[in-house]
């Protein structure tokens, strides 16, 4: 496969690829190429069509990068209010079995959807935006969803030890930590109510922790 195509050949190949893509009306899209950098510009009827045009350009061999300057101009029968779009997006996310319920917040402005919140993996983050790109009325998606850090026993134990040391209390050698997904179980002994409370707070504030189960005992010896 020839990866050293001229700009004119790349332009021709991309135009043909756009024609071949059934979800794209290539008549509304212009293609410019300079030094292997492709710019596709124009107007399309949906956000999904914009994405498919970008993917079509990226499929062509020899393309170094693609700049997308395409505007989404909704047809009158596909326009929706921001409230309607927000409700549709929220329902779509709630019905998705791969996403934790209520983990993602939705904001819509002029049809542009912004997703925020925290999920457990990059797969869930990508699934959120993929599941809404074909909704009627959507003109764009900004995925600002963050990934919750993975919880480890050593990290939680270190955070507890650091908290106790800052207050010149007992060390954490008598405290045991178990981790299951993003839930932490504490066991062992604490020497005062104040120390017990500090241990709970330190575990709860450790990166990625969702829930803390406290099985610790108090000892005043």
Protein backbone atom coordinates (compact mmCIF):
# COMPACT_ATOMS: atom_id res chain seq x y z
CA UNK A 1 0.00 0.00 0.00
CA UNK A 2 1.47 3.34 -1.03
CA UNK A 3 1.80 5.66 1.97
CA UNK A 4 3.56 8.43 -0.02
CA UNK A 5 0.66 9.75 -2.03
CA UNK A 6 0.64 13.26 -3.43
CA UNK A 7 -1.76 15.75 -1.87
CA UNK A 8 -3.87 15.73 -5.04
CA UNK A 9 -4.13 11.93 -4.95
CA UNK A 10 -5.07 12.01 -1.26
CA UNK A 11 -7.76 14.59 -1.98
CA UNK A 12 -9.19 12.43 -4.74
CA UNK A 13 -9.14 9.29 -2.57
CA UNK A 14 -10.85 11.05 0.35
CA UNK A 15 -13.60 12.42 -1.90
CA UNK A 16 -14.18 8.91 -3.23
CA UNK A 17 -14.25 7.52 0.33
CA UNK A 18 -16.85 10.11 1.32
CA UNK A 19 -18.95 9.12 -1.69
CA UNK A 20 -18.66 5.47 -0.67
CA UNK A 21 -19.80 6.20 2.92
CA UNK A 22 -23.62 5.83 2.87
CA UNK A 23 -24.20 7.97 5.97
CA UNK A 24 -22.47 11.02 4.45
CA UNK A 25 -23.70 13.43 1.78
CA UNK A 26 -20.34 14.23 0.18
CA UNK A 27 -21.85 17.09 -1.86
CA UNK A 28 -21.90 19.22 1.30
CA UNK A 29 -18.28 18.58 2.26
CA UNK A 30 -15.14 20.11 0.79
CA UNK A 31 -11.70 18.51 1.07
CA UNK A 32 -8.33 20.25 1.16
CA UNK A 33 -4.93 18.56 1.62
CA UNK A 34 -1.53 20.05 2.36
CA UNK A 35 1.51 17.91 3.22
CA UNK A 36 -0.77 15.01 4.10
CA UNK A 37 -2.83 17.10 6.54
CA UNK A 38 -6.49 16.95 5.54
CA UNK A 39 -9.13 19.59 6.21
CA UNK A 40 -12.75 18.66 5.68
CA UNK A 41 -15.24 21.52 5.83
CA UNK A 42 -18.90 22.18 5.12
CA UNK A 43 -22.34 21.62 6.61
CA UNK A 44 -24.06 18.37 7.57
CA UNK A 45 -27.51 17.51 8.89
CA UNK A 46 -26.46 15.65 12.06
CA UNK A 47 -23.63 15.14 14.51
CA UNK A 48 -23.50 11.47 13.51
CA UNK A 49 -22.87 12.44 9.88
CA UNK A 50 -20.02 14.70 10.98
CA UNK A 51 -18.40 11.81 12.86
CA UNK A 52 -18.76 9.44 9.91
CA UNK A 53 -17.17 11.99 7.58
CA UNK A 54 -14.19 12.29 9.90
CA UNK A 55 -13.82 8.51 10.14
CA UNK A 56 -14.05 8.17 6.35
CA UNK A 57 -11.17 10.62 5.89
CA UNK A 58 -9.07 8.83 8.51
CA UNK A 59 -9.56 5.49 6.74
CA UNK A 60 -7.66 6.64 3.64
CA UNK A 61 -4.04 5.52 3.59
CA UNK A 62 -1.46 8.29 3.60
CA UNK A 63 -3.48 10.71 5.70
CA UNK A 64 -1.32 12.16 8.47
CA UNK A 65 -4.02 14.05 10.35
CA UNK A 66 -7.55 15.39 9.84
CA UNK A 67 -8.85 18.83 10.80
CA UNK A 68 -12.64 18.93 10.98
CA UNK A 69 -14.32 22.25 10.21
CA UNK A 70 -17.82 20.91 9.70
CA UNK A 71 -20.90 22.63 11.13
CA UNK A 72 -24.02 20.70 12.09
CA UNK A 73 -27.08 22.43 10.63
CA UNK A 74 -30.14 20.55 11.83
CA UNK A 75 -33.14 20.23 9.58
CA UNK A 76 -36.35 21.72 10.95
CA UNK A 77 -37.89 18.32 11.73
CA UNK A 78 -34.79 17.18 13.68
CA UNK A 79 -34.52 20.23 15.94
CA UNK A 80 -35.26 19.70 19.62
CA UNK A 81 -35.21 21.96 22.66
CA UNK A 82 -32.23 21.63 24.97
CA UNK A 83 -34.59 20.32 27.65
CA UNK A 84 -35.87 17.56 25.36
CA UNK A 85 -32.31 16.60 24.39
CA UNK A 86 -31.15 16.55 28.01
CA UNK A 87 -34.04 14.28 28.98
CA UNK A 88 -33.35 11.93 26.03
CA UNK A 89 -29.63 11.77 26.88
CA UNK A 90 -30.32 11.10 30.57
CA UNK A 91 -32.79 8.33 29.70
CA UNK A 92 -30.30 6.78 27.28
CA UNK A 93 -27.55 6.77 29.91
CA UNK A 94 -29.87 5.38 32.60
CA UNK A 95 -30.90 2.51 30.32
CA UNK A 96 -27.30 1.59 29.45
CA UNK A 97 -26.41 -1.53 31.45
CA UNK A 98 -22.67 -0.77 31.26
CA UNK A 99 -22.91 2.56 33.11
CA UNK A 100 -23.29 3.01 36.88
CA UNK A 101 -26.66 4.63 37.54
CA UNK A 102 -26.54 8.40 38.15
CA UNK A 103 -22.75 8.47 37.64
CA UNK A 104 -22.91 10.97 34.74
CA UNK A 105 -24.32 14.49 34.69
CA UNK A 106 -25.72 16.06 31.51
CA UNK A 107 -25.66 19.66 30.32
CA UNK A 108 -27.04 20.80 26.94
CA UNK A 109 -26.56 24.17 25.27
CA UNK A 110 -27.79 24.80 21.71
CA UNK A 111 -27.86 21.05 21.11
CA UNK A 112 -24.27 20.55 22.30
CA UNK A 113 -24.12 17.92 25.05
CA UNK A 114 -21.48 18.07 27.79
CA UNK A 115 -21.03 14.98 29.96
CA UNK A 116 -19.38 15.16 33.38
CA UNK A 117 -19.07 12.79 36.33
CA UNK A 118 -16.94 9.84 37.40
CA UNK A 119 -16.96 6.24 36.15
CA UNK A 120 -14.82 3.20 36.89
CA UNK A 121 -13.12 2.64 33.52
CA UNK A 122 -12.25 4.21 30.17
CA UNK A 123 -14.66 1.74 28.53
CA UNK A 124 -17.54 3.25 30.54
CA UNK A 125 -16.38 6.78 29.73
CA UNK A 126 -16.36 6.06 25.99
CA UNK A 127 -19.64 4.13 26.15
CA UNK A 128 -21.35 7.23 27.54
CA UNK A 129 -20.56 9.39 24.51
CA UNK A 130 -21.01 6.59 21.97
CA UNK A 131 -24.52 5.83 23.22
CA UNK A 132 -25.86 9.35 22.59
CA UNK A 133 -24.22 10.45 19.32
CA UNK A 134 -27.17 9.29 17.21
CA UNK A 135 -29.88 11.05 19.22
CA UNK A 136 -32.00 13.51 17.24
CA UNK A 137 -31.13 17.15 17.90
CA UNK A 138 -27.58 16.58 19.17
CA UNK A 139 -25.09 18.91 17.46
CA UNK A 140 -21.96 17.85 19.35
CA UNK A 141 -20.64 16.01 22.42
CA UNK A 142 -17.96 17.03 24.92
CA UNK A 143 -16.94 14.07 27.08
CA UNK A 144 -15.51 15.43 30.33
CA UNK A 145 -16.23 12.29 32.35
CA UNK A 146 -13.35 11.32 34.65
CA UNK A 147 -12.15 7.84 35.52
CA UNK A 148 -12.16 6.87 39.17
CA UNK A 149 -8.68 5.82 40.35
CA UNK A 150 -8.19 2.13 41.04
CA UNK A 151 -8.20 1.36 44.75
CA UNK A 152 -5.27 -0.55 46.25
CA UNK A 153 -4.70 -1.84 49.78
CA UNK A 154 -1.25 -0.22 49.94
CA UNK A 155 -2.60 3.22 48.98
CA UNK A 156 -5.40 3.13 51.55
CA UNK A 157 -3.01 1.88 54.26
CA UNK A 158 -0.49 4.61 53.39
CA UNK A 159 -3.17 7.29 53.58
CA UNK A 160 -4.25 6.04 57.01
CA UNK A 161 -0.64 5.93 58.27
CA UNK A 162 0.04 9.45 56.98
CA UNK A 163 -3.09 10.78 58.69
CA UNK A 164 -2.15 9.26 62.05
CA UNK A 165 1.46 10.41 61.83
CA UNK A 166 0.41 14.00 61.16
CA UNK A 167 -1.38 13.96 64.49
CA UNK A 168 1.33 12.05 66.40
CA UNK A 169 -1.04 9.18 67.12
CA UNK A 170 -0.41 5.44 67.12
CA UNK A 171 0.85 3.84 63.89
CA UNK A 172 -1.44 1.83 61.63
CA UNK A 173 0.14 -1.57 62.27
CA UNK A 174 -2.95 -2.80 64.10
CA UNK A 175 -5.30 -1.74 61.29
CA UNK A 176 -6.14 -4.16 58.48
CA UNK A 177 -7.47 -3.11 55.08
CA UNK A 178 -9.38 -5.19 52.53
CA UNK A 179 -10.42 -3.92 49.10
CA UNK A 180 -13.18 -5.18 46.81
CA UNK A 181 -13.59 -3.08 43.66
CA UNK A 182 -14.02 0.43 45.11
CA UNK A 183 -15.22 -0.67 48.55
CA UNK A 184 -12.92 -0.85 51.59
CA UNK A 185 -13.35 -2.91 54.76
CA UNK A 186 -11.42 -1.89 57.88
CA UNK A 187 -10.68 -4.25 60.74
CA UNK A 188 -8.25 -4.37 63.67
CA UNK A 189 -8.01 -2.04 66.66
CA UNK A 190 -7.92 1.67 67.40
CA UNK A 191 -6.77 3.20 70.67
CA UNK A 192 -9.33 6.00 70.99
CA UNK A 193 -12.52 7.30 69.47
CA UNK A 194 -10.55 10.14 67.88
CA UNK A 195 -8.14 7.70 66.25
CA UNK A 196 -11.03 5.54 65.04
CA UNK A 197 -12.68 8.54 63.41
CA UNK A 198 -9.44 9.61 61.72
CA UNK A 199 -8.95 6.14 60.27
CA UNK A 200 -12.48 6.12 58.85
CA UNK A 201 -12.06 9.57 57.26
CA UNK A 202 -8.62 8.71 55.84
CA UNK A 203 -9.96 5.56 54.21
CA UNK A 204 -13.04 7.35 52.86
CA UNK A 205 -10.88 10.10 51.32
CA UNK A 206 -8.40 7.74 49.69
CA UNK A 207 -8.51 8.00 45.85
CA UNK A 208 -11.18 5.81 44.23
CA UNK A 209 -12.90 4.67 47.43
CA UNK A 210 -16.71 4.62 47.20
CA UNK A 211 -17.72 2.96 50.47
CA UNK A 212 -16.05 2.12 53.78
CA UNK A 213 -17.21 -0.70 56.03
CA UNK A 214 -15.88 -0.38 59.56
CA UNK A 215 -15.30 -3.60 61.53
CA UNK A 216 -12.72 -2.06 63.85
CA UNK A 217 -12.62 -2.47 67.65
CA UNK A 218 -11.65 0.01 70.34
CA UNK A 219 -8.95 -0.93 72.86
CA UNK A 220 -7.71 1.33 75.63
CA UNK A 221 -4.83 -0.87 76.69
